[in-house]
Amino acid sequence: MVKNILLGFASLALVVASAASTYNVTFYQPVMVNGSELKAGDYKLELKDKMVVIKQGKSTTEAPVTVETDNQKYQRTAIRLNGNQVEEIRIGGTNTRLVFDKASNATN
């Protein structure tokens, strides 16, 4: 009985942790991430260790990122671009900032 309860709490903790690392973002113009062009539209971001997985439907792009924590929460999601290259995404409602690896953003 106790094992089942502990297993239930452990499973719930994993689900909560997983949900906490999934975010939505909208690109209002075509952008480049890790050498891949992403069309304007709504995407789901999933953080996995030091990688971000960007999904739209069946399309998936991965990129290395540094996850930084700022002192205060961002009111809305903001995307910092250099030309059309995504350099940083600040996640609205959190104090989380995703800084994209500059080497991986280089166009080959």
PDB file of N, CA and C in Angstrom:
ATOM      1  N   MET A   1       0.826  -1.196   0.000  1.00  0.00           N
ATOM      2  CA  MET A   1       0.000   0.000   0.000  1.00  0.00           C
ATOM      3  C   MET A   1       0.864   1.251   0.000  1.00  0.00           C
ATOM      4  N   VAL A   2       1.853   1.291   0.909  1.00  0.00           N
ATOM      5  CA  VAL A   2       2.740   2.457   0.992  1.00  0.00           C
ATOM      6  C   VAL A   2       3.550   2.597  -0.288  1.00  0.00           C
ATOM      7  N   LYS A   3       3.999   1.461  -0.867  1.00  0.00           N
ATOM      8  CA  LYS A   3       4.759   1.500  -2.113  1.00  0.00           C
ATOM      9  C   LYS A   3       3.923   2.089  -3.241  1.00  0.00           C
ATOM     10  N   ASN A   4       2.632   1.715  -3.295  1.00  0.00           N
ATOM     11  CA  ASN A   4       1.748   2.241  -4.331  1.00  0.00           C
ATOM     12  C   ASN A   4       1.557   3.739  -4.184  1.00  0.00           C
ATOM     13  N   ILE A   5       1.430   4.207  -2.955  1.00  0.00           N
ATOM     14  CA  ILE A   5       1.258   5.641  -2.710  1.00  0.00           C
ATOM     15  C   ILE A   5       2.525   6.385  -3.116  1.00  0.00           C
ATOM     16  N   LEU A   6       3.692   5.858  -2.711  1.00  0.00           N
ATOM     17  CA  LEU A   6       4.955   6.497  -3.073  1.00  0.00           C
ATOM     18  C   LEU A   6       5.166   6.502  -4.584  1.00  0.00           C
ATOM     19  N   LEU A   7       4.820   5.400  -5.232  1.00  0.00           N
ATOM     20  CA  LEU A   7       4.938   5.327  -6.676  1.00  0.00           C
ATOM     21  C   LEU A   7       4.013   6.348  -7.339  1.00  0.00           C
ATOM     22  N   GLY A   8       2.811   6.500  -6.800  1.00  0.00           N
ATOM     23  CA  GLY A   8       1.867   7.485  -7.326  1.00  0.00           C
ATOM     24  C   GLY A   8       2.391   8.898  -7.200  1.00  0.00           C
ATOM     25  N   PHE A   9       2.969   9.230  -6.033  1.00  0.00           N
ATOM     26  CA  PHE A   9       3.535  10.563  -5.848  1.00  0.00           C
ATOM     27  C   PHE A   9       4.746  10.787  -6.747  1.00  0.00           C
ATOM     28  N   ALA A  10       5.573   9.768  -6.917  1.00  0.00           N
ATOM     29  CA  ALA A  10       6.739   9.889  -7.794  1.00  0.00           C
ATOM     30  C   ALA A  10       6.293  10.114  -9.235  1.00  0.00           C
ATOM     31  N   SER A  11       5.281   9.386  -9.668  1.00  0.00           N
ATOM     32  CA  SER A  11       4.753   9.560 -11.024  1.00  0.00           C
ATOM     33  C   SER A  11       4.173  10.954 -11.206  1.00  0.00           C
ATOM     34  N   LEU A  12       3.438  11.417 -10.222  1.00  0.00           N
ATOM     35  CA  LEU A  12       2.859  12.755 -10.289  1.00  0.00           C
ATOM     36  C   LEU A  12       3.955  13.810 -10.350  1.00  0.00           C
ATOM     37  N   ALA A  13       5.009  13.636  -9.571  1.00  0.00           N
ATOM     38  CA  ALA A  13       6.123  14.591  -9.584  1.00  0.00           C
ATOM     39  C   ALA A  13       6.775  14.636 -10.960  1.00  0.00           C
ATOM     40  N   LEU A  14       6.930  13.489 -11.615  1.00  0.00           N
ATOM     41  CA  LEU A  14       7.502  13.462 -12.957  1.00  0.00           C
ATOM     42  C   LEU A  14       6.596  14.163 -13.965  1.00  0.00           C
ATOM     43  N   VAL A  15       5.313  13.955 -13.854  1.00  0.00           N
ATOM     44  CA  VAL A  15       4.363  14.615 -14.754  1.00  0.00           C
ATOM     45  C   VAL A  15       4.416  16.120 -14.556  1.00  0.00           C
ATOM     46  N   VAL A  16       4.434  16.581 -13.313  1.00  0.00           N
ATOM     47  CA  VAL A  16       4.497  18.013 -13.032  1.00  0.00           C
ATOM     48  C   VAL A  16       5.806  18.588 -13.550  1.00  0.00           C
ATOM     49  N   ALA A  17       6.920  17.893 -13.319  1.00  0.00           N
ATOM     50  CA  ALA A  17       8.208  18.372 -13.801  1.00  0.00           C
ATOM     51  C   ALA A  17       8.228  18.435 -15.319  1.00  0.00           C
ATOM     52  N   SER A  18       7.640  17.436 -15.963  1.00  0.00           N
ATOM     53  CA  SER A  18       7.587  17.413 -17.419  1.00  0.00           C
ATOM     54  C   SER A  18       6.728  18.554 -17.944  1.00  0.00           C
ATOM     55  N   ALA A  19       5.588  18.786 -17.326  1.00  0.00           N
ATOM     56  CA  ALA A  19       4.697  19.857 -17.759  1.00  0.00           C
ATOM     57  C   ALA A  19       5.350  21.215 -17.568  1.00  0.00           C
ATOM     58  N   ALA A  20       6.159  21.340 -16.535  1.00  0.00           N
ATOM     59  CA  ALA A  20       6.803  22.615 -16.250  1.00  0.00           C
ATOM     60  C   ALA A  20       7.858  22.953 -17.293  1.00  0.00           C
ATOM     61  N   SER A  21       8.337  21.971 -18.058  1.00  0.00           N
ATOM     62  CA  SER A  21       9.361  22.240 -19.046  1.00  0.00           C
ATOM     63  C   SER A  21       8.813  22.272 -20.475  1.00  0.00           C
ATOM     64  N   THR A  22       7.519  22.441 -20.630  1.00  0.00           N
ATOM     65  CA  THR A  22       6.871  22.568 -21.933  1.00  0.00           C
ATOM     66  C   THR A  22       6.204  23.934 -22.023  1.00  0.00           C
ATOM     67  N   TYR A  23       6.511  24.660 -23.093  1.00  0.00           N
ATOM     68  CA  TYR A  23       5.998  26.015 -23.262  1.00  0.00           C
ATOM     69  C   TYR A  23       5.497  26.202 -24.684  1.00  0.00           C
ATOM     70  N   ASN A  24       4.678  27.217 -24.888  1.00  0.00           N
ATOM     71  CA  ASN A  24       4.194  27.569 -26.215  1.00  0.00           C
ATOM     72  C   ASN A  24       4.817  28.882 -26.646  1.00  0.00           C
ATOM     73  N   VAL A  25       5.122  28.978 -27.930  1.00  0.00           N
ATOM     74  CA  VAL A  25       5.699  30.200 -28.479  1.00  0.00           C
ATOM     75  C   VAL A  25       5.131  30.415 -29.878  1.00  0.00           C
ATOM     76  N   THR A  26       5.001  31.673 -30.278  1.00  0.00           N
ATOM     77  CA  THR A  26       4.539  32.021 -31.613  1.00  0.00           C
ATOM     78  C   THR A  26       5.628  32.807 -32.317  1.00  0.00           C
ATOM     79  N   PHE A  27       6.022  32.341 -33.486  1.00  0.00           N
ATOM     80  CA  PHE A  27       6.934  33.096 -34.342  1.00  0.00           C
ATOM     81  C   PHE A  27       6.066  33.846 -35.354  1.00  0.00           C
ATOM     82  N   TYR A  28       6.239  35.165 -35.439  1.00  0.00           N
ATOM     83  CA  TYR A  28       5.414  35.990 -36.318  1.00  0.00           C
ATOM     84  C   TYR A  28       6.036  36.178 -37.695  1.00  0.00           C
ATOM     85  N   GLN A  29       7.207  35.600 -37.888  1.00  0.00           N
ATOM     86  CA  GLN A  29       7.885  35.634 -39.178  1.00  0.00           C
ATOM     87  C   GLN A  29       8.736  34.369 -39.260  1.00  0.00           C
ATOM     88  N   PRO A  30       9.184  33.998 -40.446  1.00  0.00           N
ATOM     89  CA  PRO A  30      10.078  32.840 -40.539  1.00  0.00           C
ATOM     90  C   PRO A  30      11.370  33.116 -39.771  1.00  0.00           C
ATOM     91  N   VAL A  31      11.862  32.103 -39.059  1.00  0.00           N
ATOM     92  CA  VAL A  31      13.087  32.246 -38.266  1.00  0.00           C
ATOM     93  C   VAL A  31      13.980  31.037 -38.513  1.00  0.00           C
ATOM     94  N   MET A  32      15.259  31.181 -38.144  1.00  0.00           N
ATOM     95  CA  MET A  32      16.219  30.092 -38.250  1.00  0.00           C
ATOM     96  C   MET A  32      16.609  29.643 -36.853  1.00  0.00           C
ATOM     97  N   VAL A  33      16.589  28.318 -36.642  1.00  0.00           N
ATOM     98  CA  VAL A  33      17.026  27.718 -35.384  1.00  0.00           C
ATOM     99  C   VAL A  33      17.903  26.524 -35.744  1.00  0.00           C
ATOM    100  N   ASN A  34      19.149  26.578 -35.314  1.00  0.00           N
ATOM    101  CA  ASN A  34      20.077  25.461 -35.507  1.00  0.00           C
ATOM    102  C   ASN A  34      20.146  25.030 -36.972  1.00  0.00           C
ATOM    103  N   GLY A  35      20.146  26.014 -37.881  1.00  0.00           N
ATOM    104  CA  GLY A  35      20.254  25.722 -39.309  1.00  0.00           C
ATOM    105  C   GLY A  35      18.956  25.341 -39.990  1.00  0.00           C
ATOM    106  N   SER A  36      17.857  25.279 -39.242  1.00  0.00           N
ATOM    107  CA  SER A  36      16.548  24.926 -39.818  1.00  0.00           C
ATOM    108  C   SER A  36      15.651  26.148 -39.851  1.00  0.00           C
ATOM    109  N   GLU A  37      14.960  26.328 -40.969  1.00  0.00           N
ATOM    110  CA  GLU A  37      14.006  27.432 -41.056  1.00  0.00           C
ATOM    111  C   GLU A  37      12.663  26.979 -40.492  1.00  0.00           C
ATOM    112  N   LEU A  38      12.125  27.791 -39.604  1.00  0.00           N
ATOM    113  CA  LEU A  38      10.795  27.543 -39.055  1.00  0.00           C
ATOM    114  C   LEU A  38       9.869  28.619 -39.597  1.00  0.00           C
ATOM    115  N   LYS A  39       8.742  28.199 -40.145  1.00  0.00           N
ATOM    116  CA  LYS A  39       7.767  29.140 -40.686  1.00  0.00           C
ATOM    117  C   LYS A  39       7.052  29.862 -39.550  1.00  0.00           C
ATOM    118  N   ALA A  40       6.460  30.983 -39.862  1.00  0.00           N
ATOM    119  CA  ALA A  40       5.658  31.701 -38.874  1.00  0.00           C
ATOM    120  C   ALA A  40       4.546  30.788 -38.388  1.00  0.00           C
ATOM    121  N   GLY A  41       4.254  30.843 -37.085  1.00  0.00           N
ATOM    122  CA  GLY A  41       3.197  30.009 -36.535  1.00  0.00           C
ATOM    123  C   GLY A  41       3.415  29.693 -35.076  1.00  0.00           C
ATOM    124  N   ASP A  42       2.538  28.853 -34.549  1.00  0.00           N
ATOM    125  CA  ASP A  42       2.580  28.457 -33.141  1.00  0.00           C
ATOM    126  C   ASP A  42       3.393  27.171 -33.000  1.00  0.00           C
ATOM    127  N   TYR A  43       4.243  27.152 -31.975  1.00  0.00           N
ATOM    128  CA  TYR A  43       5.114  26.010 -31.723  1.00  0.00           C
ATOM    129  C   TYR A  43       5.073  25.642 -30.244  1.00  0.00           C
ATOM    130  N   LYS A  44       5.445  24.408 -29.966  1.00  0.00           N
ATOM    131  CA  LYS A  44       5.594  23.932 -28.587  1.00  0.00           C
ATOM    132  C   LYS A  44       7.085  23.733 -28.341  1.00  0.00           C
ATOM    133  N   LEU A  45       7.569  24.262 -27.213  1.00  0.00           N
ATOM    134  CA  LEU A  45       8.963  24.092 -26.809  1.00  0.00           C
ATOM    135  C   LEU A  45       9.017  23.086 -25.679  1.00  0.00           C
ATOM    136  N   GLU A  46       9.914  22.122 -25.782  1.00  0.00           N
ATOM    137  CA  GLU A  46      10.128  21.165 -24.695  1.00  0.00           C
ATOM    138  C   GLU A  46      11.604  21.197 -24.325  1.00  0.00           C
ATOM    139  N   LEU A  47      11.871  21.434 -23.055  1.00  0.00           N
ATOM    140  CA  LEU A  47      13.246  21.444 -22.570  1.00  0.00           C
ATOM    141  C   LEU A  47      13.649  20.038 -22.154  1.00  0.00           C
ATOM    142  N   LYS A  48      14.776  19.588 -22.670  1.00  0.00           N
ATOM    143  CA  LYS A  48      15.324  18.276 -22.320  1.00  0.00           C
ATOM    144  C   LYS A  48      16.809  18.479 -22.064  1.00  0.00           C
ATOM    145  N   ASP A  49      17.176  18.504 -20.793  1.00  0.00           N
ATOM    146  CA  ASP A  49      18.557  18.759 -20.393  1.00  0.00           C
ATOM    147  C   ASP A  49      19.014  20.092 -20.975  1.00  0.00           C
ATOM    148  N   LYS A  50      20.029  20.072 -21.841  1.00  0.00           N
ATOM    149  CA  LYS A  50      20.559  21.301 -22.421  1.00  0.00           C
ATOM    150  C   LYS A  50      20.116  21.474 -23.865  1.00  0.00           C
ATOM    151  N   MET A  51      18.983  20.848 -24.196  1.00  0.00           N
ATOM    152  CA  MET A  51      18.427  20.935 -25.550  1.00  0.00           C
ATOM    153  C   MET A  51      16.993  21.433 -25.470  1.00  0.00           C
ATOM    154  N   VAL A  52      16.591  22.157 -26.502  1.00  0.00           N
ATOM    155  CA  VAL A  52      15.188  22.520 -26.642  1.00  0.00           C
ATOM    156  C   VAL A  52      14.684  21.820 -27.901  1.00  0.00           C
ATOM    157  N   VAL A  53      13.504  21.221 -27.794  1.00  0.00           N
ATOM    158  CA  VAL A  53      12.851  20.577 -28.929  1.00  0.00           C
ATOM    159  C   VAL A  53      11.682  21.475 -29.306  1.00  0.00           C
ATOM    160  N   ILE A  54      11.679  21.921 -30.555  1.00  0.00           N
ATOM    161  CA  ILE A  54      10.639  22.833 -31.042  1.00  0.00           C
ATOM    162  C   ILE A  54       9.755  22.037 -31.992  1.00  0.00           C
ATOM    163  N   LYS A  55       8.462  21.954 -31.661  1.00  0.00           N
ATOM    164  CA  LYS A  55       7.540  21.114 -32.427  1.00  0.00           C
ATOM    165  C   LYS A  55       6.373  21.928 -32.984  1.00  0.00           C
ATOM    166  N   GLN A  56       5.992  21.567 -34.200  1.00  0.00           N
ATOM    167  CA  GLN A  56       4.756  22.057 -34.810  1.00  0.00           C
ATOM    168  C   GLN A  56       4.223  20.900 -35.643  1.00  0.00           C
ATOM    169  N   GLY A  57       3.126  20.324 -35.188  1.00  0.00           N
ATOM    170  CA  GLY A  57       2.595  19.141 -35.860  1.00  0.00           C
ATOM    171  C   GLY A  57       3.616  18.021 -35.803  1.00  0.00           C
ATOM    172  N   LYS A  58       3.956  17.459 -36.971  1.00  0.00           N
ATOM    173  CA  LYS A  58       4.942  16.376 -37.026  1.00  0.00           C
ATOM    174  C   LYS A  58       6.368  16.902 -37.190  1.00  0.00           C
ATOM    175  N   SER A  59       6.503  18.195 -37.437  1.00  0.00           N
ATOM    176  CA  SER A  59       7.821  18.800 -37.643  1.00  0.00           C
ATOM    177  C   SER A  59       8.515  19.049 -36.305  1.00  0.00           C
ATOM    178  N   THR A  60       9.796  18.648 -36.204  1.00  0.00           N
ATOM    179  CA  THR A  60      10.562  18.796 -34.970  1.00  0.00           C
ATOM    180  C   THR A  60      11.950  19.339 -35.284  1.00  0.00           C
ATOM    181  N   THR A  61      12.396  20.308 -34.498  1.00  0.00           N
ATOM    182  CA  THR A  61      13.740  20.855 -34.591  1.00  0.00           C
ATOM    183  C   THR A  61      14.341  20.866 -33.199  1.00  0.00           C
ATOM    184  N   GLU A  62      15.603  20.467 -33.084  1.00  0.00           N
ATOM    185  CA  GLU A  62      16.296  20.496 -31.800  1.00  0.00           C
ATOM    186  C   GLU A  62      17.451  21.476 -31.870  1.00  0.00           C
ATOM    187  N   ALA A  63      17.749  22.096 -30.721  1.00  0.00           N
ATOM    188  CA  ALA A  63      18.875  23.027 -30.653  1.00  0.00           C
ATOM    189  C   ALA A  63      19.430  23.052 -29.240  1.00  0.00           C
ATOM    190  N   PRO A  64      20.756  23.170 -29.110  1.00  0.00           N
ATOM    191  CA  PRO A  64      21.348  23.313 -27.784  1.00  0.00           C
ATOM    192  C   PRO A  64      21.071  24.701 -27.227  1.00  0.00           C
ATOM    193  N   VAL A  65      20.748  24.764 -25.947  1.00  0.00           N
ATOM    194  CA  VAL A  65      20.470  26.043 -25.295  1.00  0.00           C
ATOM    195  C   VAL A  65      21.096  26.064 -23.906  1.00  0.00           C
ATOM    196  N   THR A  66      21.281  27.273 -23.413  1.00  0.00           N
ATOM    197  CA  THR A  66      21.642  27.481 -22.019  1.00  0.00           C
ATOM    198  C   THR A  66      20.393  28.015 -21.345  1.00  0.00           C
ATOM    199  N   VAL A  67      19.957  27.371 -20.272  1.00  0.00           N
ATOM    200  CA  VAL A  67      18.775  27.812 -19.542  1.00  0.00           C
ATOM    201  C   VAL A  67      19.243  28.724 -18.414  1.00  0.00           C
ATOM    202  N   GLU A  68      18.772  29.969 -18.447  1.00  0.00           N
ATOM    203  CA  GLU A  68      19.144  30.938 -17.427  1.00  0.00           C
ATOM    204  C   GLU A  68      17.906  31.346 -16.641  1.00  0.00           C
ATOM    205  N   THR A  69      18.109  31.689 -15.383  1.00  0.00           N
ATOM    206  CA  THR A  69      17.030  32.129 -14.513  1.00  0.00           C
ATOM    207  C   THR A  69      17.294  33.573 -14.104  1.00  0.00           C
ATOM    208  N   ASP A  70      16.350  34.467 -14.406  1.00  0.00           N
ATOM    209  CA  ASP A  70      16.486  35.869 -14.044  1.00  0.00           C
ATOM    210  C   ASP A  70      15.821  36.138 -12.702  1.00  0.00           C
ATOM    211  N   ASN A  71      16.034  37.345 -12.173  1.00  0.00           N
ATOM    212  CA  ASN A  71      15.499  37.712 -10.861  1.00  0.00           C
ATOM    213  C   ASN A  71      13.993  37.919 -10.857  1.00  0.00           C
ATOM    214  N   GLN A  72      13.434  38.366 -11.967  1.00  0.00           N
ATOM    215  CA  GLN A  72      11.988  38.611 -11.998  1.00  0.00           C
ATOM    216  C   GLN A  72      11.345  37.904 -13.185  1.00  0.00           C
ATOM    217  N   LYS A  73      10.038  37.677 -13.060  1.00  0.00           N
ATOM    218  CA  LYS A  73       9.289  36.981 -14.105  1.00  0.00           C
ATOM    219  C   LYS A  73       9.053  37.904 -15.297  1.00  0.00           C
ATOM    220  N   TYR A  74       9.015  37.287 -16.473  1.00  0.00           N
ATOM    221  CA  TYR A  74       8.692  38.022 -17.697  1.00  0.00           C
ATOM    222  C   TYR A  74       7.170  38.080 -17.837  1.00  0.00           C
ATOM    223  N   GLN A  75       6.640  39.234 -18.197  1.00  0.00           N
ATOM    224  CA  GLN A  75       5.191  39.377 -18.353  1.00  0.00           C
ATOM    225  C   GLN A  75       4.681  38.615 -19.561  1.00  0.00           C
ATOM    226  N   ARG A  76       5.473  38.566 -20.625  1.00  0.00           N
ATOM    227  CA  ARG A  76       5.059  37.878 -21.850  1.00  0.00           C
ATOM    228  C   ARG A  76       6.271  37.227 -22.489  1.00  0.00           C
ATOM    229  N   THR A  77       6.017  36.288 -23.366  1.00  0.00           N
ATOM    230  CA  THR A  77       7.103  35.626 -24.075  1.00  0.00           C
ATOM    231  C   THR A  77       7.686  36.593 -25.096  1.00  0.00           C
ATOM    232  N   ALA A  78       9.012  36.679 -25.109  1.00  0.00           N
ATOM    233  CA  ALA A  78       9.710  37.555 -26.049  1.00  0.00           C
ATOM    234  C   ALA A  78      10.813  36.769 -26.736  1.00  0.00           C
ATOM    235  N   ILE A  79      10.978  37.034 -28.030  1.00  0.00           N
ATOM    236  CA  ILE A  79      11.983  36.345 -28.830  1.00  0.00           C
ATOM    237  C   ILE A  79      12.989  37.378 -29.321  1.00  0.00           C
ATOM    238  N   ARG A  80      14.258  37.127 -29.056  1.00  0.00           N
ATOM    239  CA  ARG A  80      15.320  38.021 -29.513  1.00  0.00           C
ATOM    240  C   ARG A  80      15.944  37.407 -30.756  1.00  0.00           C
ATOM    241  N   LEU A  81      15.987  38.196 -31.831  1.00  0.00           N
ATOM    242  CA  LEU A  81      16.535  37.732 -33.101  1.00  0.00           C
ATOM    243  C   LEU A  81      17.783  38.523 -33.467  1.00  0.00           C
ATOM    244  N   ASN A  82      18.657  37.883 -34.229  1.00  0.00           N
ATOM    245  CA  ASN A  82      19.763  38.555 -34.888  1.00  0.00           C
ATOM    246  C   ASN A  82      19.536  38.284 -36.365  1.00  0.00           C
ATOM    247  N   GLY A  83      18.971  39.253 -37.071  1.00  0.00           N
ATOM    248  CA  GLY A  83      18.480  38.995 -38.427  1.00  0.00           C
ATOM    249  C   GLY A  83      17.274  38.092 -38.301  1.00  0.00           C
ATOM    250  N   ASN A  84      17.362  36.870 -38.834  1.00  0.00           N
ATOM    251  CA  ASN A  84      16.260  35.917 -38.667  1.00  0.00           C
ATOM    252  C   ASN A  84      16.661  34.750 -37.752  1.00  0.00           C
ATOM    253  N   GLN A  85      17.863  34.818 -37.142  1.00  0.00           N
ATOM    254  CA  GLN A  85      18.349  33.784 -36.229  1.00  0.00           C
ATOM    255  C   GLN A  85      17.793  34.011 -34.821  1.00  0.00           C
ATOM    256  N   VAL A  86      17.212  32.978 -34.234  1.00  0.00           N
ATOM    257  CA  VAL A  86      16.740  33.082 -32.852  1.00  0.00           C
ATOM    258  C   VAL A  86      17.962  33.022 -31.937  1.00  0.00           C
ATOM    259  N   GLU A  87      18.136  34.059 -31.112  1.00  0.00           N
ATOM    260  CA  GLU A  87      19.243  34.086 -30.154  1.00  0.00           C
ATOM    261  C   GLU A  87      18.775  33.758 -28.746  1.00  0.00           C
ATOM    262  N   GLU A  88      17.538  34.153 -28.444  1.00  0.00           N
ATOM    263  CA  GLU A  88      17.056  34.015 -27.071  1.00  0.00           C
ATOM    264  C   GLU A  88      15.534  34.015 -27.057  1.00  0.00           C
ATOM    265  N   ILE A  89      14.971  33.224 -26.138  1.00  0.00           N
ATOM    266  CA  ILE A  89      13.524  33.251 -25.903  1.00  0.00           C
ATOM    267  C   ILE A  89      13.317  33.422 -24.409  1.00  0.00           C
ATOM    268  N   ARG A  90      12.574  34.449 -24.038  1.00  0.00           N
ATOM    269  CA  ARG A  90      12.197  34.684 -22.646  1.00  0.00           C
ATOM    270  C   ARG A  90      10.772  34.188 -22.485  1.00  0.00           C
ATOM    271  N   ILE A  91      10.579  33.239 -21.589  1.00  0.00           N
ATOM    272  CA  ILE A  91       9.288  32.566 -21.434  1.00  0.00           C
ATOM    273  C   ILE A  91       8.374  33.381 -20.529  1.00  0.00           C
ATOM    274  N   GLY A  92       7.254  33.867 -21.071  1.00  0.00           N
ATOM    275  CA  GLY A  92       6.284  34.654 -20.312  1.00  0.00           C
ATOM    276  C   GLY A  92       5.715  33.881 -19.140  1.00  0.00           C
ATOM    277  N   GLY A  93       5.540  34.594 -18.007  1.00  0.00           N
ATOM    278  CA  GLY A  93       4.983  33.983 -16.808  1.00  0.00           C
ATOM    279  C   GLY A  93       6.018  33.231 -15.987  1.00  0.00           C
ATOM    280  N   THR A  94       7.271  33.224 -16.463  1.00  0.00           N
ATOM    281  CA  THR A  94       8.361  32.563 -15.742  1.00  0.00           C
ATOM    282  C   THR A  94       9.543  33.532 -15.668  1.00  0.00           C
ATOM    283  N   ASN A  95      10.586  33.101 -15.006  1.00  0.00           N
ATOM    284  CA  ASN A  95      11.831  33.867 -15.025  1.00  0.00           C
ATOM    285  C   ASN A  95      12.904  33.100 -15.811  1.00  0.00           C
ATOM    286  N   THR A  96      12.443  32.269 -16.763  1.00  0.00           N
ATOM    287  CA  THR A  96      13.306  31.412 -17.565  1.00  0.00           C
ATOM    288  C   THR A  96      13.641  32.059 -18.902  1.00  0.00           C
ATOM    289  N   ARG A  97      14.945  32.016 -19.205  1.00  0.00           N
ATOM    290  CA  ARG A  97      15.440  32.543 -20.484  1.00  0.00           C
ATOM    291  C   ARG A  97      16.232  31.436 -21.162  1.00  0.00           C
ATOM    292  N   LEU A  98      15.920  31.168 -22.423  1.00  0.00           N
ATOM    293  CA  LEU A  98      16.636  30.171 -23.217  1.00  0.00           C
ATOM    294  C   LEU A  98      17.589  30.908 -24.143  1.00  0.00           C
ATOM    295  N   VAL A  99      18.877  30.701 -23.961  1.00  0.00           N
ATOM    296  CA  VAL A  99      19.887  31.331 -24.799  1.00  0.00           C
ATOM    297  C   VAL A  99      20.422  30.269 -25.751  1.00  0.00           C
ATOM    298  N   PHE A 100      20.228  30.505 -27.052  1.00  0.00           N
ATOM    299  CA  PHE A 100      20.611  29.534 -28.064  1.00  0.00           C
ATOM    300  C   PHE A 100      22.109  29.600 -28.320  1.00  0.00           C
ATOM    301  N   ASP A 101      22.723  28.431 -28.476  1.00  0.00           N
ATOM    302  CA  ASP A 101      24.143  28.309 -28.743  1.00  0.00           C
ATOM    303  C   ASP A 101      24.461  28.991 -30.073  1.00  0.00           C
ATOM    304  N   LYS A 102      25.340  29.981 -30.052  1.00  0.00           N
ATOM    305  CA  LYS A 102      25.659  30.727 -31.282  1.00  0.00           C
ATOM    306  C   LYS A 102      26.304  29.837 -32.340  1.00  0.00           C
ATOM    307  N   ALA A 103      27.113  28.877 -31.936  1.00  0.00           N
ATOM    308  CA  ALA A 103      27.762  27.985 -32.894  1.00  0.00           C
ATOM    309  C   ALA A 103      26.738  27.146 -33.666  1.00  0.00           C
ATOM    310  N   SER A 104      25.675  26.727 -32.977  1.00  0.00           N
ATOM    311  CA  SER A 104      24.670  25.886 -33.631  1.00  0.00           C
ATOM    312  C   SER A 104      23.769  26.708 -34.543  1.00  0.00           C
ATOM    313  N   ASN A 105      23.695  28.015 -34.314  1.00  0.00           N
ATOM    314  CA  ASN A 105      22.866  28.878 -35.156  1.00  0.00           C
ATOM    315  C   ASN A 105      23.577  29.293 -36.441  1.00  0.00           C
ATOM    316  N   ALA A 106      24.861  29.027 -36.537  1.00  0.00           N
ATOM    317  CA  ALA A 106      25.603  29.408 -37.729  1.00  0.00           C
ATOM    318  C   ALA A 106      25.070  28.643 -38.938  1.00  0.00           C
ATOM    319  N   THR A 107      24.865  29.341 -40.018  1.00  0.00           N
ATOM    320  CA  THR A 107      24.362  28.709 -41.244  1.00  0.00           C
ATOM    321  C   THR A 107      25.514  27.999 -41.934  1.00  0.00           C
ATOM    322  N   ASN A 108      25.317  26.731 -42.246  1.00  0.00           N
ATOM    323  CA  ASN A 108      26.374  25.959 -42.904  1.00  0.00           C
ATOM    324  C   ASN A 108      26.320  26.129 -44.395  1.00  0.00           C
TER     325      ASN A 108
END
